[in-house]
Amino acid sequence: MRDPADLYELHPGFDDVTGLAMLVCLDGFVDAGNAGQQMAEALFERFAAEEVAVFDTDLLVDYRSRRPPMTFVENAWTEYNPPRLALYRMHDEEANPFLVLHGPEPDREWEAFIAAVQELVERFAVSLSISTHGIPMAVPHTRPVTVTPHATRPELVAGHTPWIGRVEVPGSAVSLLEYRLGEKGHDFVGYAIHVPSYLAQSTYPRAAIAATEYVAGATGLAVSTEDLEEVAGATDVEIAEQVAASEEIQRVVANLERQYDDIMSSRSDEDGGTVPLSDDGSGLPTAEELGAELERFLAEREGDGNG
């Protein structure tokens, strides 16, 4: 395997970076509602980003599968925007520092890339790594956003009742990073935000708000969702108008609302807490149902040229 140090270059002046949380925001192939992408964009718009380390995308990215944009003006190429995969330092609204690993998901050399990230995690004594993304689920947009959390230690997701049983899905660099860091004893928690399947191909701000709130809850970072709330309000109006214009969509949403309410009712105990679902897993999506949902989502993405 390639020497992990060959894949990145450290910038000087960050000797004081230690013990911070690291958000992993890579452009993956499953991000229903653009939940993770919206959160990452909001972070870069709100906070100044200092580049701590930059990865060699020539070794990691397949340019023919994701061609970088170039600008042509009249009779000459005037601009080239290469992919950028880097580790950044930001400061939240209370000046607390944190790290963000941001850029395209590597197309190749996953193990070498993960070993390189592990070097950085250990070099900077990262306290917790976190990822978020959206997954299509049979849930209605009219109810609170739900989530499937996953982590390298059970204690990191204590109090969450699973929505999904055993299932095999296509892998990703972020999922493998979580798995490998867990093998080395590093803490990593991920939040798969449930996006209504009929909105999975759209930009759904409510999912990004939920992702941001889960990240803030896990890290203690002060990250406002005010800008996302404004966009979400407008999006909610558009969705309501589309639902009102179609009796078929209204029936679908009503059925999902009943299913959602039944599931949440089965989880609530007399004290308002949560209890596991029945042993037969009623209300949980089966592996076949979840797999079919993901296959539809990926097929639609590939059909749009986003494979």
C-alpha atoms as a PDB file:
ATOM      1  CA  MET A   1       0.000   0.000   0.000  1.00  0.00           C
ATOM      2  CA  ARG A   2       1.143   3.548  -0.721  1.00  0.00           C
ATOM      3  CA  ASP A   3       2.796   5.502   2.117  1.00  0.00           C
ATOM      4  CA  PRO A   4      -0.064   7.567   3.583  1.00  0.00           C
ATOM      5  CA  ALA A   5       2.238  10.582   3.935  1.00  0.00           C
ATOM      6  CA  ASP A   6       2.467  10.702   0.115  1.00  0.00           C
ATOM      7  CA  LEU A   7      -1.205  11.645  -0.105  1.00  0.00           C
ATOM      8  CA  TYR A   8      -1.215  14.945   1.761  1.00  0.00           C
ATOM      9  CA  GLU A   9       0.819  18.031   2.568  1.00  0.00           C
ATOM     10  CA  LEU A  10       0.698  19.751   5.944  1.00  0.00           C
ATOM     11  CA  HIS A  11       0.733  23.531   6.137  1.00  0.00           C
ATOM     12  CA  PRO A  12       2.932  25.135   8.812  1.00  0.00           C
ATOM     13  CA  GLY A  13       1.579  27.091  11.741  1.00  0.00           C
ATOM     14  CA  PHE A  14      -0.921  24.628  13.182  1.00  0.00           C
ATOM     15  CA  ASP A  15       1.093  23.178  16.048  1.00  0.00           C
ATOM     16  CA  ASP A  16      -1.600  24.324  18.477  1.00  0.00           C
ATOM     17  CA  VAL A  17      -4.322  22.280  16.753  1.00  0.00           C
ATOM     18  CA  THR A  18      -5.094  19.487  19.180  1.00  0.00           C
ATOM     19  CA  GLY A  19      -8.044  17.760  20.808  1.00  0.00           C
ATOM     20  CA  LEU A  20     -10.668  19.131  18.408  1.00  0.00           C
ATOM     21  CA  ALA A  21     -13.733  17.535  16.849  1.00  0.00           C
ATOM     22  CA  MET A  22     -13.496  16.775  13.131  1.00  0.00           C
ATOM     23  CA  LEU A  23     -16.461  16.955  10.773  1.00  0.00           C
ATOM     24  CA  VAL A  24     -16.101  14.633   7.779  1.00  0.00           C
ATOM     25  CA  CYS A  25     -17.890  16.247   4.825  1.00  0.00           C
ATOM     26  CA  LEU A  26     -17.007  14.315   1.682  1.00  0.00           C
ATOM     27  CA  ASP A  27     -19.163  14.319  -1.433  1.00  0.00           C
ATOM     28  CA  GLY A  28     -20.455  10.760  -1.241  1.00  0.00           C
ATOM     29  CA  PHE A  29     -22.776   8.870  -3.518  1.00  0.00           C
ATOM     30  CA  VAL A  30     -25.686   8.784  -1.026  1.00  0.00           C
ATOM     31  CA  ASP A  31     -26.856  12.124   0.341  1.00  0.00           C
ATOM     32  CA  ALA A  32     -30.631  12.267  -0.041  1.00  0.00           C
ATOM     33  CA  GLY A  33     -32.010  15.781   0.085  1.00  0.00           C
ATOM     34  CA  ASN A  34     -28.404  17.053  -0.115  1.00  0.00           C
ATOM     35  CA  ALA A  35     -28.481  17.036   3.677  1.00  0.00           C
ATOM     36  CA  GLY A  36     -24.747  16.800   4.282  1.00  0.00           C
ATOM     37  CA  GLN A  37     -23.855  18.997   1.329  1.00  0.00           C
ATOM     38  CA  GLN A  38     -26.117  21.812   2.519  1.00  0.00           C
ATOM     39  CA  MET A  39     -24.636  21.662   6.010  1.00  0.00           C
ATOM     40  CA  ALA A  40     -21.081  21.816   4.644  1.00  0.00           C
ATOM     41  CA  GLU A  41     -21.908  24.727   2.345  1.00  0.00           C
ATOM     42  CA  ALA A  42     -23.487  26.618   5.238  1.00  0.00           C
ATOM     43  CA  LEU A  43     -20.350  26.109   7.354  1.00  0.00           C
ATOM     44  CA  PHE A  44     -18.058  27.465   4.644  1.00  0.00           C
ATOM     45  CA  GLU A  45     -20.369  30.429   4.033  1.00  0.00           C
ATOM     46  CA  ARG A  46     -20.601  31.330   7.728  1.00  0.00           C
ATOM     47  CA  PHE A  47     -17.090  30.645   9.039  1.00  0.00           C
ATOM     48  CA  ALA A  48     -13.584  31.447   7.792  1.00  0.00           C
ATOM     49  CA  ALA A  49     -11.696  28.275   6.830  1.00  0.00           C
ATOM     50  CA  GLU A  50      -7.944  27.866   7.316  1.00  0.00           C
ATOM     51  CA  GLU A  51      -6.367  25.050   5.310  1.00  0.00           C
ATOM     52  CA  VAL A  52      -4.428  22.734   7.619  1.00  0.00           C
ATOM     53  CA  ALA A  53      -3.570  19.956   5.150  1.00  0.00           C
ATOM     54  CA  VAL A  54      -4.308  19.346   1.465  1.00  0.00           C
ATOM     55  CA  PHE A  55      -4.618  15.967  -0.254  1.00  0.00           C
ATOM     56  CA  ASP A  56      -3.221  15.044  -3.666  1.00  0.00           C
ATOM     57  CA  THR A  57      -6.405  14.665  -5.701  1.00  0.00           C
ATOM     58  CA  ASP A  58      -4.400  13.509  -8.733  1.00  0.00           C
ATOM     59  CA  LEU A  59      -3.854  10.264  -6.845  1.00  0.00           C
ATOM     60  CA  LEU A  60      -7.373   9.987  -5.430  1.00  0.00           C
ATOM     61  CA  VAL A  61      -9.890  11.320  -7.976  1.00  0.00           C
ATOM     62  CA  ASP A  62     -10.962   9.793 -11.287  1.00  0.00           C
ATOM     63  CA  TYR A  63     -11.312  12.898 -13.450  1.00  0.00           C
ATOM     64  CA  ARG A  64     -13.107  11.001 -16.204  1.00  0.00           C
ATOM     65  CA  SER A  65     -15.950  10.042 -13.870  1.00  0.00           C
ATOM     66  CA  ARG A  66     -16.185  13.537 -12.337  1.00  0.00           C
ATOM     67  CA  ARG A  67     -14.772  15.973 -14.852  1.00  0.00           C
ATOM     68  CA  PRO A  68     -13.614  19.266 -13.281  1.00  0.00           C
ATOM     69  CA  PRO A  69     -15.185  22.404 -14.772  1.00  0.00           C
ATOM     70  CA  MET A  70     -13.198  24.588 -17.163  1.00  0.00           C
ATOM     71  CA  THR A  71     -14.155  27.961 -18.618  1.00  0.00           C
ATOM     72  CA  PHE A  72     -13.801  28.800 -22.303  1.00  0.00           C
ATOM     73  CA  VAL A  73     -14.087  32.402 -23.507  1.00  0.00           C
ATOM     74  CA  GLU A  74     -14.188  33.121 -27.269  1.00  0.00           C
ATOM     75  CA  ASN A  75     -10.912  31.480 -28.310  1.00  0.00           C
ATOM     76  CA  ALA A  76      -9.103  30.406 -25.137  1.00  0.00           C
ATOM     77  CA  TRP A  77      -9.425  28.409 -21.949  1.00  0.00           C
ATOM     78  CA  THR A  78      -9.488  30.969 -19.164  1.00  0.00           C
ATOM     79  CA  GLU A  79     -10.068  29.018 -15.972  1.00  0.00           C
ATOM     80  CA  TYR A  80      -9.696  25.550 -14.478  1.00  0.00           C
ATOM     81  CA  ASN A  81     -11.283  24.542 -11.159  1.00  0.00           C
ATOM     82  CA  PRO A  82      -9.545  21.402  -9.899  1.00  0.00           C
ATOM     83  CA  PRO A  83     -11.114  19.327  -7.109  1.00  0.00           C
ATOM     84  CA  ARG A  84      -9.937  20.255  -3.626  1.00  0.00           C
ATOM     85  CA  LEU A  85      -9.791  17.762  -0.765  1.00  0.00           C
ATOM     86  CA  ALA A  86      -8.402  19.269   2.405  1.00  0.00           C
ATOM     87  CA  LEU A  87      -8.530  19.481   6.177  1.00  0.00           C
ATOM     88  CA  TYR A  88      -9.625  22.900   7.450  1.00  0.00           C
ATOM     89  CA  ARG A  89      -9.815  24.655  10.793  1.00  0.00           C
ATOM     90  CA  MET A  90     -12.850  26.793  11.558  1.00  0.00           C
ATOM     91  CA  HIS A  91     -14.152  28.613  14.628  1.00  0.00           C
ATOM     92  CA  ASP A  92     -17.816  28.497  15.637  1.00  0.00           C
ATOM     93  CA  GLU A  93     -19.956  31.435  16.738  1.00  0.00           C
ATOM     94  CA  GLU A  94     -18.367  31.360  20.192  1.00  0.00           C
ATOM     95  CA  ALA A  95     -14.816  31.171  18.754  1.00  0.00           C
ATOM     96  CA  ASN A  96     -14.444  27.465  19.558  1.00  0.00           C
ATOM     97  CA  PRO A  97     -12.157  25.761  17.006  1.00  0.00           C
ATOM     98  CA  PHE A  98     -13.038  22.591  15.091  1.00  0.00           C
ATOM     99  CA  LEU A  99     -11.785  20.725  12.040  1.00  0.00           C
ATOM    100  CA  VAL A 100     -13.552  19.969   8.758  1.00  0.00           C
ATOM    101  CA  LEU A 101     -12.389  17.334   6.262  1.00  0.00           C
ATOM    102  CA  HIS A 102     -14.023  18.497   3.048  1.00  0.00           C
ATOM    103  CA  GLY A 103     -13.914  17.620  -0.635  1.00  0.00           C
ATOM    104  CA  PRO A 104     -14.753  14.863  -3.102  1.00  0.00           C
ATOM    105  CA  GLU A 105     -14.950  11.271  -1.943  1.00  0.00           C
ATOM    106  CA  PRO A 106     -11.809   9.518  -3.273  1.00  0.00           C
ATOM    107  CA  ASP A 107     -12.455   7.257  -6.246  1.00  0.00           C
ATOM    108  CA  ARG A 108      -9.398   5.118  -5.582  1.00  0.00           C
ATOM    109  CA  GLU A 109      -6.808   4.212  -2.912  1.00  0.00           C
ATOM    110  CA  TRP A 110      -9.383   4.177  -0.113  1.00  0.00           C
ATOM    111  CA  GLU A 111      -7.183   2.303   2.328  1.00  0.00           C
ATOM    112  CA  ALA A 112      -4.222   4.634   1.754  1.00  0.00           C
ATOM    113  CA  PHE A 113      -6.485   7.677   2.083  1.00  0.00           C
ATOM    114  CA  ILE A 114      -7.975   6.344   5.311  1.00  0.00           C
ATOM    115  CA  ALA A 115      -4.507   5.613   6.687  1.00  0.00           C
ATOM    116  CA  ALA A 116      -3.560   9.221   5.864  1.00  0.00           C
ATOM    117  CA  VAL A 117      -6.633  10.572   7.658  1.00  0.00           C
ATOM    118  CA  GLN A 118      -5.828   8.347  10.614  1.00  0.00           C
ATOM    119  CA  GLU A 119      -2.342   9.900  10.746  1.00  0.00           C
ATOM    120  CA  LEU A 120      -3.930  13.336  10.913  1.00  0.00           C
ATOM    121  CA  VAL A 121      -6.444  12.184  13.546  1.00  0.00           C
ATOM    122  CA  GLU A 122      -3.596  10.945  15.717  1.00  0.00           C
ATOM    123  CA  ARG A 123      -1.278  13.876  14.972  1.00  0.00           C
ATOM    124  CA  PHE A 124      -3.919  16.390  16.071  1.00  0.00           C
ATOM    125  CA  ALA A 125      -5.443  14.155  18.777  1.00  0.00           C
ATOM    126  CA  VAL A 126      -8.916  14.497  17.266  1.00  0.00           C
ATOM    127  CA  SER A 127     -11.435  13.973  20.070  1.00  0.00           C
ATOM    128  CA  LEU A 128     -14.405  12.915  17.909  1.00  0.00           C
ATOM    129  CA  SER A 129     -15.024  12.475  14.188  1.00  0.00           C
ATOM    130  CA  ILE A 130     -18.546  13.091  12.889  1.00  0.00           C
ATOM    131  CA  SER A 131     -20.291  12.594   9.551  1.00  0.00           C
ATOM    132  CA  THR A 132     -23.802  13.336   8.299  1.00  0.00           C
ATOM    133  CA  HIS A 133     -25.691  12.432   5.152  1.00  0.00           C
ATOM    134  CA  GLY A 134     -29.255  11.894   3.999  1.00  0.00           C
ATOM    135  CA  ILE A 135     -30.858   8.555   3.186  1.00  0.00           C
ATOM    136  CA  PRO A 136     -34.234   8.057   1.466  1.00  0.00           C
ATOM    137  CA  MET A 137     -36.846   6.630   3.822  1.00  0.00           C
ATOM    138  CA  ALA A 138     -40.601   6.046   3.852  1.00  0.00           C
ATOM    139  CA  VAL A 139     -41.310   9.005   6.136  1.00  0.00           C
ATOM    140  CA  PRO A 140     -43.568  12.061   5.641  1.00  0.00           C
ATOM    141  CA  HIS A 141     -42.310  15.638   5.400  1.00  0.00           C
ATOM    142  CA  THR A 142     -45.074  16.695   7.793  1.00  0.00           C
ATOM    143  CA  ARG A 143     -43.455  15.068  10.828  1.00  0.00           C
ATOM    144  CA  PRO A 144     -40.194  15.788  12.721  1.00  0.00           C
ATOM    145  CA  VAL A 145     -37.062  14.592  10.951  1.00  0.00           C
ATOM    146  CA  THR A 146     -35.741  11.273  12.257  1.00  0.00           C
ATOM    147  CA  VAL A 147     -32.266   9.795  12.085  1.00  0.00           C
ATOM    148  CA  THR A 148     -30.287   6.575  12.129  1.00  0.00           C
ATOM    149  CA  PRO A 149     -27.135   7.183  14.185  1.00  0.00           C
ATOM    150  CA  HIS A 150     -24.141   4.855  14.042  1.00  0.00           C
ATOM    151  CA  ALA A 151     -20.866   4.904  15.912  1.00  0.00           C
ATOM    152  CA  THR A 152     -17.674   3.098  16.808  1.00  0.00           C
ATOM    153  CA  ARG A 153     -18.863   2.690  20.419  1.00  0.00           C
ATOM    154  CA  PRO A 154     -22.419   2.005  21.654  1.00  0.00           C
ATOM    155  CA  GLU A 155     -22.078   4.752  24.257  1.00  0.00           C
ATOM    156  CA  LEU A 156     -21.854   7.384  21.511  1.00  0.00           C
ATOM    157  CA  VAL A 157     -25.404   6.651  20.324  1.00  0.00           C
ATOM    158  CA  ALA A 158     -26.979   5.722  23.652  1.00  0.00           C
ATOM    159  CA  GLY A 159     -30.679   6.541  23.840  1.00  0.00           C
ATOM    160  CA  HIS A 160     -31.366   6.057  20.138  1.00  0.00           C
ATOM    161  CA  THR A 161     -33.716   3.251  19.149  1.00  0.00           C
ATOM    162  CA  PRO A 162     -32.652   1.654  15.835  1.00  0.00           C
ATOM    163  CA  TRP A 163     -34.820   2.215  12.782  1.00  0.00           C
ATOM    164  CA  ILE A 164     -32.974  -0.289  10.599  1.00  0.00           C
ATOM    165  CA  GLY A 165     -32.103  -3.926  11.187  1.00  0.00           C
ATOM    166  CA  ARG A 166     -29.364  -5.812   9.351  1.00  0.00           C
ATOM    167  CA  VAL A 167     -28.816  -4.651   5.777  1.00  0.00           C
ATOM    168  CA  GLU A 168     -26.023  -4.678   3.201  1.00  0.00           C
ATOM    169  CA  VAL A 169     -25.512  -1.496   1.193  1.00  0.00           C
ATOM    170  CA  PRO A 170     -22.783  -0.248  -1.167  1.00  0.00           C
ATOM    171  CA  GLY A 171     -19.767   1.016   0.737  1.00  0.00           C
ATOM    172  CA  SER A 172     -18.340   4.526   0.828  1.00  0.00           C
ATOM    173  CA  ALA A 173     -15.016   6.037   1.821  1.00  0.00           C
ATOM    174  CA  VAL A 174     -16.650   7.736   4.820  1.00  0.00           C
ATOM    175  CA  SER A 175     -18.238   4.500   6.039  1.00  0.00           C
ATOM    176  CA  LEU A 176     -14.933   2.671   5.690  1.00  0.00           C
ATOM    177  CA  LEU A 177     -13.155   5.535   7.483  1.00  0.00           C
ATOM    178  CA  GLU A 178     -15.563   5.157  10.418  1.00  0.00           C
ATOM    179  CA  TYR A 179     -15.001   1.401  10.440  1.00  0.00           C
ATOM    180  CA  ARG A 180     -11.191   1.645  10.296  1.00  0.00           C
ATOM    181  CA  LEU A 181     -10.950   4.398  12.909  1.00  0.00           C
ATOM    182  CA  GLY A 182     -13.127   2.289  15.177  1.00  0.00           C
ATOM    183  CA  GLU A 183     -10.701  -0.610  14.768  1.00  0.00           C
ATOM    184  CA  LYS A 184      -7.939   1.698  16.036  1.00  0.00           C
ATOM    185  CA  GLY A 185      -9.959   2.853  19.047  1.00  0.00           C
ATOM    186  CA  HIS A 186     -10.909   6.311  17.743  1.00  0.00           C
ATOM    187  CA  ASP A 187     -14.394   7.710  18.370  1.00  0.00           C
ATOM    188  CA  PHE A 188     -16.561   8.316  15.302  1.00  0.00           C
ATOM    189  CA  VAL A 189     -20.287   8.956  15.121  1.00  0.00           C
ATOM    190  CA  GLY A 190     -22.399   9.313  11.999  1.00  0.00           C
ATOM    191  CA  TYR A 191     -25.940  10.560  11.491  1.00  0.00           C
ATOM    192  CA  ALA A 192     -27.982   9.242   8.571  1.00  0.00           C
ATOM    193  CA  ILE A 193     -30.813  11.756   8.269  1.00  0.00           C
ATOM    194  CA  HIS A 194     -34.123  10.281   7.076  1.00  0.00           C
ATOM    195  CA  VAL A 195     -35.384  12.158   4.013  1.00  0.00           C
ATOM    196  CA  PRO A 196     -38.853  11.477   2.572  1.00  0.00           C
ATOM    197  CA  SER A 197     -38.253   9.228  -0.426  1.00  0.00           C
ATOM    198  CA  TYR A 198     -40.374  11.478  -2.651  1.00  0.00           C
ATOM    199  CA  LEU A 199     -38.025  14.395  -1.824  1.00  0.00           C
ATOM    200  CA  ALA A 200     -34.747  12.463  -1.940  1.00  0.00           C
ATOM    201  CA  GLN A 201     -33.647  13.939  -5.278  1.00  0.00           C
ATOM    202  CA  SER A 202     -34.518  17.491  -4.205  1.00  0.00           C
ATOM    203  CA  THR A 203     -32.650  19.856  -1.935  1.00  0.00           C
ATOM    204  CA  TYR A 204     -34.444  19.453   1.404  1.00  0.00           C
ATOM    205  CA  PRO A 205     -33.297  22.073   3.953  1.00  0.00           C
ATOM    206  CA  ARG A 206     -35.098  20.443   6.892  1.00  0.00           C
ATOM    207  CA  ALA A 207     -32.686  17.518   6.602  1.00  0.00           C
ATOM    208  CA  ALA A 208     -29.686  19.876   6.667  1.00  0.00           C
ATOM    209  CA  ILE A 209     -31.069  21.607   9.753  1.00  0.00           C
ATOM    210  CA  ALA A 210     -31.424  18.250  11.499  1.00  0.00           C
ATOM    211  CA  ALA A 211     -27.875  17.287  10.471  1.00  0.00           C
ATOM    212  CA  THR A 212     -26.499  20.539  11.887  1.00  0.00           C
ATOM    213  CA  GLU A 213     -28.398  20.122  15.140  1.00  0.00           C
ATOM    214  CA  TYR A 214     -27.130  16.568  15.622  1.00  0.00           C
ATOM    215  CA  VAL A 215     -23.552  17.710  14.993  1.00  0.00           C
ATOM    216  CA  ALA A 216     -23.961  20.568  17.466  1.00  0.00           C
ATOM    217  CA  GLY A 217     -25.441  18.197  20.039  1.00  0.00           C
ATOM    218  CA  ALA A 218     -22.586  15.724  19.697  1.00  0.00           C
ATOM    219  CA  THR A 219     -19.797  18.314  19.789  1.00  0.00           C
ATOM    220  CA  GLY A 220     -21.168  21.241  21.777  1.00  0.00           C
ATOM    221  CA  LEU A 221     -20.314  23.589  18.903  1.00  0.00           C
ATOM    222  CA  ALA A 222     -22.339  26.770  18.478  1.00  0.00           C
ATOM    223  CA  VAL A 223     -23.596  26.555  14.898  1.00  0.00           C
ATOM    224  CA  SER A 224     -26.691  28.543  13.967  1.00  0.00           C
ATOM    225  CA  THR A 225     -29.267  27.197  11.539  1.00  0.00           C
ATOM    226  CA  GLU A 226     -30.928  30.573  11.008  1.00  0.00           C
ATOM    227  CA  ASP A 227     -30.000  30.831   7.325  1.00  0.00           C
ATOM    228  CA  LEU A 228     -31.154  27.286   6.656  1.00  0.00           C
ATOM    229  CA  GLU A 229     -34.423  27.983   8.482  1.00  0.00           C
ATOM    230  CA  GLU A 230     -35.216  30.815   6.072  1.00  0.00           C
ATOM    231  CA  VAL A 231     -34.631  28.570   3.064  1.00  0.00           C
ATOM    232  CA  ALA A 232     -36.566  25.737   4.686  1.00  0.00           C
ATOM    233  CA  GLY A 233     -39.592  27.969   5.212  1.00  0.00           C
ATOM    234  CA  ALA A 234     -39.764  28.762   1.506  1.00  0.00           C
ATOM    235  CA  THR A 235     -39.245  25.114   0.601  1.00  0.00           C
ATOM    236  CA  ASP A 236     -42.023  24.032   2.970  1.00  0.00           C
ATOM    237  CA  VAL A 237     -44.435  26.350   1.140  1.00  0.00           C
ATOM    238  CA  GLU A 238     -43.435  24.899  -2.240  1.00  0.00           C
ATOM    239  CA  ILE A 239     -43.891  21.323  -1.000  1.00  0.00           C
ATOM    240  CA  ALA A 240     -47.311  22.153   0.491  1.00  0.00           C
ATOM    241  CA  GLU A 241     -48.430  23.644  -2.821  1.00  0.00           C
ATOM    242  CA  GLN A 242     -47.317  20.561  -4.757  1.00  0.00           C
ATOM    243  CA  VAL A 243     -49.060  18.229  -2.304  1.00  0.00           C
ATOM    244  CA  ALA A 244     -52.261  20.279  -2.453  1.00  0.00           C
ATOM    245  CA  ALA A 245     -52.273  20.015  -6.243  1.00  0.00           C
ATOM    246  CA  SER A 246     -52.253  16.199  -6.302  1.00  0.00           C
ATOM    247  CA  GLU A 247     -54.730  13.866  -4.641  1.00  0.00           C
ATOM    248  CA  GLU A 248     -52.376  10.950  -5.241  1.00  0.00           C
ATOM    249  CA  ILE A 249     -49.548  12.653  -3.350  1.00  0.00           C
ATOM    250  CA  GLN A 250     -51.972  13.540  -0.565  1.00  0.00           C
ATOM    251  CA  ARG A 251     -52.876   9.846  -0.168  1.00  0.00           C
ATOM    252  CA  VAL A 252     -49.199   8.861  -0.106  1.00  0.00           C
ATOM    253  CA  VAL A 253     -48.405  11.463   2.551  1.00  0.00           C
ATOM    254  CA  ALA A 254     -51.437  10.470   4.638  1.00  0.00           C
ATOM    255  CA  ASN A 255     -50.386   6.815   4.576  1.00  0.00           C
ATOM    256  CA  LEU A 256     -46.840   7.721   5.582  1.00  0.00           C
ATOM    257  CA  GLU A 257     -48.175   9.888   8.418  1.00  0.00           C
ATOM    258  CA  ARG A 258     -50.189   6.967   9.808  1.00  0.00           C
ATOM    259  CA  GLN A 259     -47.189   4.638   9.554  1.00  0.00           C
ATOM    260  CA  TYR A 260     -44.917   7.221  11.185  1.00  0.00           C
ATOM    261  CA  ASP A 261     -47.364   7.866  14.038  1.00  0.00           C
ATOM    262  CA  ASP A 262     -47.784   4.133  14.652  1.00  0.00           C
ATOM    263  CA  ILE A 263     -44.011   3.650  14.846  1.00  0.00           C
ATOM    264  CA  MET A 264     -43.464   6.599  17.174  1.00  0.00           C
ATOM    265  CA  SER A 265     -46.362   5.488  19.365  1.00  0.00           C
ATOM    266  CA  SER A 266     -44.804   2.048  19.724  1.00  0.00           C
ATOM    267  CA  ARG A 267     -41.559   3.670  20.860  1.00  0.00           C
ATOM    268  CA  SER A 268     -43.041   5.896  23.575  1.00  0.00           C
ATOM    269  CA  ASP A 269     -43.341   4.633  27.132  1.00  0.00           C
ATOM    270  CA  GLU A 270     -45.451   6.137  29.901  1.00  0.00           C
ATOM    271  CA  ASP A 271     -42.652   8.526  30.885  1.00  0.00           C
ATOM    272  CA  GLY A 272     -42.303   9.889  27.387  1.00  0.00           C
ATOM    273  CA  GLY A 273     -39.026   8.067  26.741  1.00  0.00           C
ATOM    274  CA  THR A 274     -38.315   5.452  24.113  1.00  0.00           C
ATOM    275  CA  VAL A 275     -38.378   1.698  24.180  1.00  0.00           C
ATOM    276  CA  PRO A 276     -37.299  -0.772  21.510  1.00  0.00           C
ATOM    277  CA  LEU A 277     -39.833  -1.910  18.973  1.00  0.00           C
ATOM    278  CA  SER A 278     -41.357  -5.353  19.258  1.00  0.00           C
ATOM    279  CA  ASP A 279     -39.096  -8.337  18.694  1.00  0.00           C
ATOM    280  CA  ASP A 280     -40.614  -9.001  15.303  1.00  0.00           C
ATOM    281  CA  GLY A 281     -39.345  -5.617  14.145  1.00  0.00           C
ATOM    282  CA  SER A 282     -42.769  -4.362  13.108  1.00  0.00           C
ATOM    283  CA  GLY A 283     -42.494  -0.852  11.709  1.00  0.00           C
ATOM    284  CA  LEU A 284     -38.838  -1.238  10.778  1.00  0.00           C
ATOM    285  CA  PRO A 285     -37.962  -1.291   7.063  1.00  0.00           C
ATOM    286  CA  THR A 286     -36.808  -4.681   5.893  1.00  0.00           C
ATOM    287  CA  ALA A 287     -33.426  -5.101   4.235  1.00  0.00           C
ATOM    288  CA  GLU A 288     -35.212  -5.591   0.907  1.00  0.00           C
ATOM    289  CA  GLU A 289     -37.261  -2.395   1.324  1.00  0.00           C
ATOM    290  CA  LEU A 290     -34.269  -0.281   2.305  1.00  0.00           C
ATOM    291  CA  GLY A 291     -32.140  -1.797  -0.450  1.00  0.00           C
ATOM    292  CA  ALA A 292     -34.828  -1.099  -3.041  1.00  0.00           C
ATOM    293  CA  GLU A 293     -35.126   2.503  -1.831  1.00  0.00           C
ATOM    294  CA  LEU A 294     -31.378   3.034  -2.119  1.00  0.00           C
ATOM    295  CA  GLU A 295     -31.237   1.357  -5.526  1.00  0.00           C
ATOM    296  CA  ARG A 296     -33.948   3.692  -6.829  1.00  0.00           C
ATOM    297  CA  PHE A 297     -32.136   6.702  -5.401  1.00  0.00           C
ATOM    298  CA  LEU A 298     -28.798   5.703  -6.934  1.00  0.00           C
ATOM    299  CA  ALA A 299     -30.364   4.808 -10.287  1.00  0.00           C
ATOM    300  CA  GLU A 300     -32.023   8.225 -10.465  1.00  0.00           C
ATOM    301  CA  ARG A 301     -28.731   9.934  -9.580  1.00  0.00           C
ATOM    302  CA  GLU A 302     -26.891   8.023 -12.316  1.00  0.00           C
ATOM    303  CA  GLY A 303     -29.637   8.892 -14.751  1.00  0.00           C
ATOM    304  CA  ASP A 304     -29.002  12.565 -13.967  1.00  0.00           C
ATOM    305  CA  GLY A 305     -25.267  12.149 -14.585  1.00  0.00           C
ATOM    306  CA  ASN A 306     -24.332  12.232 -10.886  1.00  0.00           C
ATOM    307  CA  GLY A 307     -23.135   8.654 -10.518  1.00  0.00           C
END
